Protein backbone atom coordinates (compact mmCIF):
# COMPACT_ATOMS: atom_id res chain seq x y z
CA MET A 1 -104.20 124.28 -46.20
CA GLY A 2 -101.47 124.75 -43.57
CA LEU A 3 -98.94 122.71 -45.57
CA PHE A 4 -99.58 124.77 -48.71
CA GLU A 5 -99.18 128.04 -46.77
CA ASP A 6 -95.93 126.78 -45.17
CA LEU A 7 -94.58 125.75 -48.57
CA SER A 8 -95.65 129.08 -50.08
CA ARG A 9 -93.92 131.02 -47.27
CA PHE A 10 -90.78 128.87 -47.68
CA LEU A 11 -90.68 129.51 -51.44
CA GLU A 12 -91.21 133.27 -50.96
CA SER A 13 -88.46 133.52 -48.34
CA ARG A 14 -86.13 131.41 -50.50
CA LEU A 15 -86.82 133.65 -53.50
CA ASP A 16 -86.20 136.78 -51.39
CA GLU A 17 -82.89 135.28 -50.16
CA PHE A 18 -81.91 134.38 -53.71
CA LEU A 19 -82.69 137.86 -55.05
CA ARG A 20 -80.77 139.51 -52.17
CA ALA A 21 -77.76 137.33 -53.02
CA ASN A 22 -78.16 138.17 -56.74
CA PRO A 23 -79.39 141.79 -56.88
CA HIS A 24 -78.96 141.97 -60.66
CA LEU A 25 -81.74 139.36 -60.95
CA GLU A 26 -84.24 141.45 -58.99
CA VAL A 27 -84.81 143.58 -62.09
CA MET A 28 -85.25 140.43 -64.20
CA ALA A 29 -87.83 139.09 -61.74
CA LEU A 30 -89.70 142.39 -61.91
CA GLU A 31 -89.61 142.29 -65.72
CA GLU A 32 -91.02 138.75 -65.62
CA GLN A 33 -93.90 139.91 -63.38
CA LEU A 34 -94.59 142.83 -65.71
CA ARG A 35 -94.60 140.50 -68.71
CA GLY A 36 -97.25 138.38 -66.99
CA GLN A 37 -99.31 141.48 -66.17
CA GLU A 38 -99.04 142.73 -69.76
CA GLU A 39 -100.18 139.34 -71.10
CA ASP A 40 -103.17 139.49 -68.71
CA ALA A 41 -103.99 143.03 -69.87
CA ILE A 42 -103.81 141.98 -73.54
CA ALA A 43 -106.10 139.00 -72.86
CA LEU A 44 -108.55 141.29 -71.04
CA LEU A 45 -108.46 143.72 -73.99
CA GLY A 46 -109.39 140.85 -76.31
CA ASP A 47 -112.31 139.83 -74.06
CA LEU A 48 -113.55 143.43 -73.79
CA LYS A 49 -113.35 143.96 -77.57
CA ARG A 50 -115.37 140.78 -78.16
CA ARG A 51 -117.93 141.94 -75.60
CA GLU A 52 -118.12 145.37 -77.28
CA VAL A 53 -118.82 143.74 -80.67
CA GLN A 54 -121.54 141.50 -79.12
CA LEU A 55 -123.18 144.52 -77.48
CA GLN A 56 -123.05 146.54 -80.72
CA GLU A 57 -124.74 143.67 -82.57
CA SER A 58 -127.40 143.38 -79.82
CA ILE A 59 -128.03 147.15 -79.88
CA LEU A 60 -128.41 147.09 -83.67
CA ALA A 61 -130.81 144.12 -83.52
CA THR A 62 -132.82 145.84 -80.74
CA ALA A 63 -132.98 149.11 -82.73
CA GLN A 64 -134.36 147.18 -85.73
CA GLU A 65 -136.98 145.56 -83.45
CA VAL A 66 -137.93 148.98 -82.05
CA GLN A 67 -138.39 150.29 -85.62
CA LEU A 68 -140.57 147.29 -86.49
CA TRP A 69 -142.80 147.70 -83.43
CA HIS A 70 -142.97 151.47 -83.83
CA GLY A 71 -144.32 150.88 -87.34
CA ARG A 72 -146.85 148.40 -85.96
CA VAL A 73 -147.96 150.92 -83.31
CA GLN A 74 -148.57 153.48 -86.10
CA LYS A 75 -150.51 150.91 -88.16
CA ALA A 76 -152.70 149.92 -85.18
CA LYS A 77 -153.41 153.63 -84.47
CA ALA A 78 -154.32 154.33 -88.11
CA ALA A 79 -156.61 151.29 -88.25
CA ASN A 80 -158.09 152.18 -84.84
CA ARG A 81 -157.21 148.68 -83.54
CA LEU A 82 -157.15 149.42 -79.81
CA ASP A 83 -156.87 145.67 -79.03
CA LEU A 84 -153.46 145.66 -80.82
CA LEU A 85 -152.34 149.20 -80.04
CA GLN A 86 -151.63 148.81 -76.29
CA PRO A 87 -149.70 145.50 -76.56
CA ALA A 88 -147.65 146.93 -79.45
CA GLN A 89 -146.83 150.05 -77.39
CA GLU A 90 -145.82 147.88 -74.44
CA ARG A 91 -143.54 145.80 -76.68
CA GLU A 92 -141.96 148.96 -78.13
CA ALA A 93 -141.39 150.37 -74.60
CA ALA A 94 -139.82 147.06 -73.42
CA LEU A 95 -137.47 147.07 -76.42
CA LEU A 96 -136.51 150.69 -75.76
CA ARG A 97 -135.68 149.80 -72.13
CA GLN A 98 -133.65 146.81 -73.34
CA GLY A 99 -131.77 149.02 -75.84
CA ASN A 100 -131.07 151.59 -73.12
CA HIS A 101 -129.74 148.83 -70.82
CA LEU A 102 -127.48 147.46 -73.59
CA TRP A 103 -126.23 150.99 -74.34
CA GLY A 104 -125.31 151.45 -70.67
CA GLN A 105 -123.40 148.16 -70.72
CA MET A 106 -121.53 149.18 -73.87
CA THR A 107 -120.59 152.53 -72.32
CA GLY A 108 -119.13 150.63 -69.33
CA VAL A 109 -117.22 148.24 -71.60
CA LYS A 110 -115.81 151.16 -73.62
CA GLY A 111 -114.63 152.80 -70.38
CA ARG A 112 -112.94 149.59 -69.23
CA LEU A 113 -111.36 149.20 -72.68
CA GLU A 114 -109.80 152.67 -72.43
CA GLN A 115 -108.54 152.01 -68.88
CA THR A 116 -107.11 148.62 -69.85
CA ARG A 117 -105.41 150.07 -72.96
CA ALA A 118 -103.82 152.82 -70.83
CA LEU A 119 -102.69 150.24 -68.24
CA GLN A 120 -101.24 147.95 -70.91
CA GLN A 121 -99.29 150.87 -72.42
CA GLN A 122 -97.94 151.85 -68.98
CA ILE A 123 -96.84 148.26 -68.30
CA HIS A 124 -95.28 148.05 -71.77
CA SER A 125 -93.22 151.23 -71.26
CA LYS A 126 -92.12 150.03 -67.77
CA ARG A 127 -90.99 146.76 -69.36
CA ARG A 128 -88.98 148.69 -71.98
CA GLU A 129 -87.29 150.71 -69.20
CA LEU A 130 -86.49 147.50 -67.30
CA LYS A 131 -85.07 145.84 -70.41
CA VAL A 132 -82.68 148.78 -70.80
CA LYS A 133 -81.66 148.42 -67.13
CA ILE A 134 -81.19 144.65 -67.57
CA ALA A 135 -79.00 145.22 -70.65
CA GLN A 136 -76.94 147.80 -68.73
CA ALA A 137 -76.58 145.46 -65.73
CA GLU A 138 -75.52 142.57 -67.98
CA ALA A 139 -72.99 144.78 -69.76
CA THR A 140 -71.59 145.90 -66.38
CA ARG A 141 -71.37 142.29 -65.15
CA ALA A 142 -69.72 141.15 -68.40
CA ALA A 143 -67.16 143.94 -68.10
CA ALA A 144 -66.47 143.07 -64.45
CA LYS A 145 -66.17 139.39 -65.35
CA ALA A 146 -63.77 140.13 -68.18
CA ALA A 147 -61.68 142.30 -65.86
CA ALA A 148 -61.56 139.61 -63.17
CA LYS A 149 -60.83 136.78 -65.68
CA THR A 150 -61.73 134.13 -63.14
CA ALA A 151 -63.58 130.86 -63.38
CA PRO A 152 -67.38 131.07 -63.09
CA ASP A 153 -68.32 131.67 -59.48
CA SER A 154 -71.32 130.28 -57.63
CA ALA A 155 -73.37 133.40 -58.42
CA ASP A 156 -73.05 132.59 -62.15
CA TRP A 157 -74.22 129.05 -61.52
CA GLU A 158 -77.20 130.30 -59.55
CA THR A 159 -78.18 132.83 -62.21
CA THR A 160 -78.00 130.23 -64.98
CA GLY A 161 -80.83 128.33 -63.26
CA TRP A 162 -82.84 131.54 -62.97
CA GLN A 163 -82.77 132.08 -66.73
CA GLN A 164 -84.12 128.60 -67.54
CA SER A 165 -87.82 128.06 -68.16
CA PRO A 166 -89.85 128.08 -64.92
CA TYR A 167 -92.00 125.27 -66.29
CA LEU A 168 -89.29 122.60 -66.22
CA GLY A 169 -90.04 120.36 -63.27
CA SER A 170 -87.09 119.60 -60.98
CA ARG A 171 -88.10 115.95 -61.00
CA ALA A 172 -88.38 115.62 -64.77
CA LEU A 173 -87.78 112.17 -66.27
CA ASN A 174 -84.16 111.47 -67.22
CA ASP A 175 -82.90 114.41 -65.18
CA PRO A 176 -79.16 113.69 -64.74
CA LEU A 177 -78.82 116.06 -61.78
CA GLU A 178 -81.77 114.38 -60.00
CA GLU A 179 -80.22 110.92 -60.66
CA THR A 180 -76.80 112.06 -59.36
CA PHE A 181 -78.34 113.47 -56.18
CA GLN A 182 -80.43 110.34 -55.59
CA ARG A 183 -77.38 108.11 -56.05
CA TRP A 184 -75.30 110.28 -53.69
CA GLU A 185 -78.10 110.41 -51.07
CA THR A 186 -78.51 106.61 -51.25
CA GLU A 187 -74.75 106.05 -50.86
CA LYS A 188 -74.68 108.42 -47.89
CA GLU A 189 -77.58 106.56 -46.22
CA LEU A 190 -75.77 103.23 -46.78
CA GLU A 191 -72.57 104.62 -45.25
CA ASP A 192 -74.54 105.90 -42.23
CA LEU A 193 -76.18 102.47 -41.81
CA LYS A 194 -72.81 100.67 -42.03
CA ARG A 195 -71.37 103.05 -39.44
CA GLN A 196 -74.34 102.42 -37.10
CA MET A 197 -74.11 98.64 -37.51
CA GLY A 198 -70.33 98.64 -36.98
CA ARG A 199 -70.75 100.15 -33.48
């Protein structure tokens, strides 16, 4: 667990460093987090809607059962069948309790649905605001770049990597950059060995 925590801390500090060096990307990172949160909220909305439909179906089925057993209670009373009357009343009461429990669950789900909808809308509007800020920042940077008319600086190189998919592994197969670095590192090690042996 210690290694994972160390790696996690290293990545966080590296990301903080990177964002400090590229402040225009901080807004993009925030937008990316909000996108993830909005996707989570939308998924939760889907789950809650499915649960609401299940509960509605269960409540309807329970209400039909209550009606059936209520009719049976009335029949047993009319026929003076005391041996059937009490069990039928108990079944009706159990179904009423079950229906009440299901209704309580549905009320809770409806409340969570409303909260989640409101949260999703808040996140969505924040994302819209951030997209406007990102567009403004990019326009400002493009104008500054055009005014400077210089070759791409290291900040541009760093930001290009930021805009690539986060799911591309750095050690992907046939990665030319990885191969170049490995070749260079191997050559450097060989040079160091030759130097050590030449002493």
